[in-house]
Protein backbone atom coordinates (compact mmCIF):
# COMPACT_ATOMS: atom_id res chain seq x y z
CA UNK A 1 148.13 278.92 256.45
CA UNK A 2 148.67 280.24 253.20
CA UNK A 3 149.67 277.22 251.81
CA UNK A 4 146.46 275.94 253.20
CA UNK A 5 143.82 278.41 252.01
CA UNK A 6 145.69 277.35 247.92
CA UNK A 7 144.68 273.77 249.61
CA UNK A 8 141.10 274.28 250.57
CA UNK A 9 140.67 276.09 246.51
CA UNK A 10 138.79 273.74 243.59
CA UNK A 11 141.25 273.79 241.17
CA UNK A 12 139.05 275.85 238.99
CA UNK A 13 138.44 278.54 241.09
CA UNK A 14 142.17 279.39 241.40
CA UNK A 15 142.26 279.72 237.20
CA UNK A 16 140.24 282.23 237.45
CA UNK A 17 140.88 284.25 239.92
CA UNK A 18 144.36 284.18 238.23
CA UNK A 19 142.39 284.77 235.07
CA UNK A 20 140.80 287.47 236.20
CA UNK A 21 143.93 289.04 237.90
CA UNK A 22 145.75 288.95 234.45
CA UNK A 23 142.82 290.09 232.44
CA UNK A 24 143.48 293.75 235.46
CA UNK A 25 147.18 294.30 235.33
CA UNK A 26 147.22 293.53 231.05
CA UNK A 27 143.34 295.59 230.07
CA UNK A 28 145.51 298.28 231.46
CA UNK A 29 143.72 302.43 230.39
CA UNK A 30 146.17 304.06 228.67
CA UNK A 31 143.99 307.28 228.47
CA UNK A 32 146.37 308.74 231.93
CA UNK A 33 148.53 311.02 229.68
CA UNK A 34 146.65 312.24 227.48
CA UNK A 35 143.81 313.07 229.22
CA UNK A 36 145.26 315.62 231.41
CA UNK A 37 145.22 318.98 230.81
CA UNK A 38 146.30 321.97 233.35
CA UNK A 39 145.47 324.94 234.07
CA UNK A 40 149.71 325.59 233.77
CA UNK A 41 149.51 324.90 230.54
CA UNK A 42 147.14 328.67 229.99
CA UNK A 43 149.58 330.11 232.50
CA UNK A 44 153.08 329.83 230.61
CA UNK A 45 151.99 330.40 227.72
CA UNK A 46 150.25 333.77 228.99
CA UNK A 47 153.51 335.44 226.77
CA UNK A 48 152.07 333.72 223.55
CA UNK A 49 149.84 335.54 221.10
CA UNK A 50 146.08 336.36 221.98
CA UNK A 51 144.28 333.85 219.88
CA UNK A 52 146.50 330.96 221.42
CA UNK A 53 145.05 331.93 225.11
CA UNK A 54 141.81 332.42 223.39
CA UNK A 55 142.43 329.02 222.43
CA UNK A 56 143.65 327.81 225.42
CA UNK A 57 140.95 329.29 227.14
CA UNK A 58 138.22 327.64 225.32
CA UNK A 59 139.87 324.17 226.39
CA UNK A 60 139.07 325.00 229.82
CA UNK A 61 135.34 324.16 228.91
CA UNK A 62 135.16 320.73 227.73
CA UNK A 63 134.78 318.03 229.68
CA UNK A 64 138.04 315.94 230.44
CA UNK A 65 135.49 312.87 228.05
CA UNK A 66 135.25 315.86 225.67
CA UNK A 67 138.89 316.64 225.87
CA UNK A 68 139.20 312.45 224.64
CA UNK A 69 136.90 312.72 222.06
CA UNK A 70 137.76 316.35 220.93
CA UNK A 71 141.66 314.12 220.90
CA UNK A 72 140.89 311.32 219.46
CA UNK A 73 142.79 309.74 216.64
CA UNK A 74 142.66 305.84 214.04
CA UNK A 75 144.78 303.49 215.42
CA UNK A 76 144.60 301.67 211.86
CA UNK A 77 142.73 303.30 208.63
CA UNK A 78 142.30 302.12 205.07
CA UNK A 79 146.57 300.93 203.91
CA UNK A 80 146.62 298.96 207.19
CA UNK A 81 148.21 295.38 206.81
CA UNK A 82 146.31 293.97 208.77
CA UNK A 83 149.24 290.83 208.57
CA UNK A 84 150.40 290.91 211.77
CA UNK A 85 147.04 291.18 213.71
CA UNK A 86 145.30 289.00 215.71
CA UNK A 87 141.89 288.18 214.47
CA UNK A 88 137.66 287.25 215.33
CA UNK A 89 134.65 285.84 213.77
CA UNK A 90 131.43 286.22 215.05
CA UNK A 91 128.42 285.14 212.91
CA UNK A 92 124.53 285.62 214.35
CA UNK A 93 121.96 284.34 213.30
CA UNK A 94 117.96 286.22 213.45
CA UNK A 95 115.01 285.29 212.08
CA UNK A 96 114.43 288.39 210.04
CA UNK A 97 114.79 289.65 206.61
CA UNK A 98 117.54 291.33 206.07
CA UNK A 99 116.00 295.17 205.49
CA UNK A 100 114.14 294.65 209.07
CA UNK A 101 117.62 293.98 210.37
CA UNK A 102 119.69 296.48 208.85
CA UNK A 103 117.21 299.08 209.32
CA UNK A 104 116.80 298.57 213.04
CA UNK A 105 120.78 298.44 213.51
CA UNK A 106 121.83 301.31 211.46
CA UNK A 107 118.46 303.21 213.00
CA UNK A 108 119.59 302.88 216.73
CA UNK A 109 120.38 305.31 219.36
CA UNK A 110 124.20 304.76 221.58
CA UNK A 111 121.97 304.66 224.50
CA UNK A 112 120.16 301.36 223.78
CA UNK A 113 122.74 299.20 222.32
CA UNK A 114 125.99 300.06 225.24
CA UNK A 115 123.15 299.95 227.30
CA UNK A 116 124.37 297.71 230.73
CA UNK A 117 125.19 295.73 232.55
CA UNK A 118 129.23 295.30 230.77
CA UNK A 119 129.02 298.04 228.19
CA UNK A 120 128.25 301.30 228.83
CA UNK A 121 127.56 304.00 226.65
CA UNK A 122 129.42 307.23 228.06
CA UNK A 123 130.12 310.33 225.44
CA UNK A 124 129.48 310.23 221.91
CA UNK A 125 130.69 313.24 219.05
CA UNK A 126 130.23 314.47 215.71
CA UNK A 127 131.57 317.29 213.84
CA UNK A 128 131.28 320.15 217.41
CA UNK A 129 129.38 319.08 218.63
CA UNK A 130 128.79 316.39 221.55
CA UNK A 131 125.77 313.95 224.00
CA UNK A 132 126.20 311.95 226.68
CA UNK A 133 124.18 309.12 228.19
CA UNK A 134 122.06 311.60 229.98
CA UNK A 135 120.48 312.62 226.31
CA UNK A 136 116.58 312.46 225.48
CA UNK A 137 116.40 312.54 222.52
CA UNK A 138 119.66 310.88 220.59
CA UNK A 139 120.43 310.20 217.41
CA UNK A 140 120.85 307.34 216.29
CA UNK A 141 124.56 305.32 214.74
CA UNK A 142 125.45 308.53 212.30
CA UNK A 143 129.41 308.07 210.30
CA UNK A 144 131.99 310.34 211.62
CA UNK A 145 130.56 309.52 215.48
CA UNK A 146 132.85 308.42 217.71
CA UNK A 147 131.69 307.53 220.17
CA UNK A 148 132.91 306.88 224.66
CA UNK A 149 131.97 303.37 226.13
CA UNK A 150 132.56 301.40 229.44
CA UNK A 151 133.32 298.32 229.33
CA UNK A 152 133.18 296.12 232.37
CA UNK A 153 136.08 293.76 233.31
CA UNK A 154 135.39 292.80 237.31
CA UNK A 155 132.83 294.06 239.81
CA UNK A 156 134.55 297.60 241.01
CA UNK A 157 136.85 297.10 237.47
CA UNK A 158 135.66 299.45 234.62
CA UNK A 159 137.50 300.41 231.94
CA UNK A 160 136.66 303.11 228.47
CA UNK A 161 137.36 302.71 225.57
CA UNK A 162 137.21 305.28 222.46
CA UNK A 163 136.67 305.29 218.86
CA UNK A 164 134.74 306.36 215.39
CA UNK A 165 131.97 304.94 213.38
CA UNK A 166 134.49 305.34 210.14
CA UNK A 167 132.23 303.06 207.88
CA UNK A 168 127.84 303.27 207.52
CA UNK A 169 127.88 301.66 204.40
CA UNK A 170 124.03 301.60 202.60
CA UNK A 171 124.72 299.72 199.73
CA UNK A 172 126.98 297.08 201.63
CA UNK A 173 125.31 297.16 204.71
CA UNK A 174 128.47 297.44 206.55
CA UNK A 175 129.47 299.11 209.76
CA UNK A 176 133.10 299.37 210.26
CA UNK A 177 134.44 300.76 214.09
CA UNK A 178 138.15 302.37 214.42
CA UNK A 179 139.79 302.40 217.02
CA UNK A 180 141.11 305.51 219.45
CA UNK A 181 144.83 305.14 219.43
CA UNK A 182 144.41 306.03 222.87
CA UNK A 183 144.13 302.66 223.57
CA UNK A 184 145.07 299.73 224.67
CA UNK A 185 144.01 298.01 220.81
CA UNK A 186 144.61 299.43 218.05
CA UNK A 187 142.72 297.86 214.78
CA UNK A 188 138.39 298.11 213.62
CA UNK A 189 135.39 295.77 213.85
CA UNK A 190 133.85 294.90 210.75
CA UNK A 191 129.32 294.35 211.04
CA UNK A 192 127.76 292.65 207.67
CA UNK A 193 124.50 292.22 206.34
CA UNK A 194 123.95 289.85 204.63
CA UNK A 195 120.73 287.93 203.35
CA UNK A 196 119.88 283.84 204.17
CA UNK A 197 116.37 283.78 202.52
CA UNK A 198 114.08 285.45 204.81
CA UNK A 199 116.58 285.47 208.36
CA UNK A 200 119.76 287.59 208.47
CA UNK A 201 123.34 285.95 209.14
CA UNK A 202 124.92 289.12 210.80
CA UNK A 203 128.99 288.69 210.42
CA UNK A 204 130.71 290.48 213.15
CA UNK A 205 134.63 290.58 212.17
CA UNK A 206 137.90 292.30 214.32
CA UNK A 207 140.66 292.97 213.54
CA UNK A 208 142.81 293.63 216.71
CA UNK A 209 146.51 294.34 217.87
CA UNK A 210 148.53 295.43 221.78
CA UNK A 211 152.01 295.46 222.82
CA UNK A 212 151.30 291.85 224.45
CA UNK A 213 151.26 288.38 222.62
CA UNK A 214 149.67 286.87 226.05
CA UNK A 215 146.80 289.59 226.13
CA UNK A 216 145.99 288.92 222.18
CA UNK A 217 146.03 285.61 222.45
CA UNK A 218 143.81 284.74 225.16
CA UNK A 219 142.33 287.84 227.35
CA UNK A 220 141.45 289.80 224.26
CA UNK A 221 138.86 287.20 222.50
CA UNK A 222 136.98 286.30 226.12
CA UNK A 223 135.94 290.04 226.67
CA UNK A 224 134.78 290.37 223.60
CA UNK A 225 133.26 287.29 222.69
CA UNK A 226 130.91 288.57 226.26
CA UNK A 227 130.87 292.83 224.89
CA UNK A 228 129.03 291.49 221.86
CA UNK A 229 126.82 289.22 222.40
CA UNK A 230 125.33 291.70 225.31
CA UNK A 231 125.68 294.50 221.65
CA UNK A 232 124.00 292.49 219.28
CA UNK A 233 121.20 291.72 222.26
CA UNK A 234 120.13 295.06 223.46
CA UNK A 235 119.63 296.11 219.42
CA UNK A 236 117.82 292.71 219.10
CA UNK A 237 115.40 293.86 221.19
CA UNK A 238 114.49 296.77 219.85
CA UNK A 239 113.90 294.74 216.70
CA UNK A 240 111.16 292.67 218.49
CA UNK A 241 109.22 295.38 219.62
CA UNK A 242 109.70 297.56 216.71
CA UNK A 243 108.44 294.22 214.42
CA UNK A 244 104.69 294.44 213.62
CA UNK A 245 103.63 290.55 214.68
CA UNK A 246 106.40 290.75 217.59
CA UNK A 247 106.95 287.42 216.87
CA UNK A 248 110.18 286.15 218.83
CA UNK A 249 113.27 285.34 217.08
CA UNK A 250 116.77 283.81 217.94
CA UNK A 251 120.22 284.54 218.16
CA UNK A 252 122.59 280.78 217.19
CA UNK A 253 126.11 282.26 217.43
CA UNK A 254 128.26 280.59 215.01
CA UNK A 255 132.37 280.62 216.16
CA UNK A 256 134.81 280.72 213.92
CA UNK A 257 138.28 281.92 215.73
CA UNK A 258 141.65 282.63 214.15
CA UNK A 259 144.64 283.97 216.35
CA UNK A 260 146.35 285.57 213.30
CA UNK A 261 144.74 285.87 209.81
CA UNK A 262 147.57 285.74 206.53
CA UNK A 263 146.66 288.59 203.58
């Protein structure tokens, strides 16, 4: 009966099934250990100094998502050599001047740019302040903010990623987001805005590396493109809504994909 089942499936459906299964297997998330916090830890430290007890007890007031944000550590920094990282780049063209596009992007709220169905903003932090998707007057992008976003892989299968907005450069018009150490993939993404007459080129670049070469070569690019397309489309909606003449703009992607870049 098993043979009959496989024979009845088209090759395309079989390939999609296997690909999805591998995606689910490789897109594992590593927060389980880093998230764990037991009240037994406070009890076991009962004999420690009173200040330590106060710190441990105060941690109980944080939600699990807030603890993830508090424990965030960068996976790469300015001294990281990206020679061994995989590389992906995609360029978008918007029929709006760069000043307007840049202003819209940097003033977009995370609740708007990661608003589903594939990507959903959950929580963020800046300094000692915490925010979540339920807030009406949510702050816009800010350098130093840490974001927690849920990604949909397949129906009923979702993962959570965490990253920090490490650069919001006004003069060069660059946004940089760096992955957290606890993510399955380490690396960063940069979004650069380039004037092209009355249009704007948006160059979205990603450097990424995990423990699986198969995942980096076949899985990450496939899902990454879907997520960033949705990200830019969501902000484009705000751009259209906020434009004076409400003109319709075309999003014209030109894709360049390389496996590894030499630096």
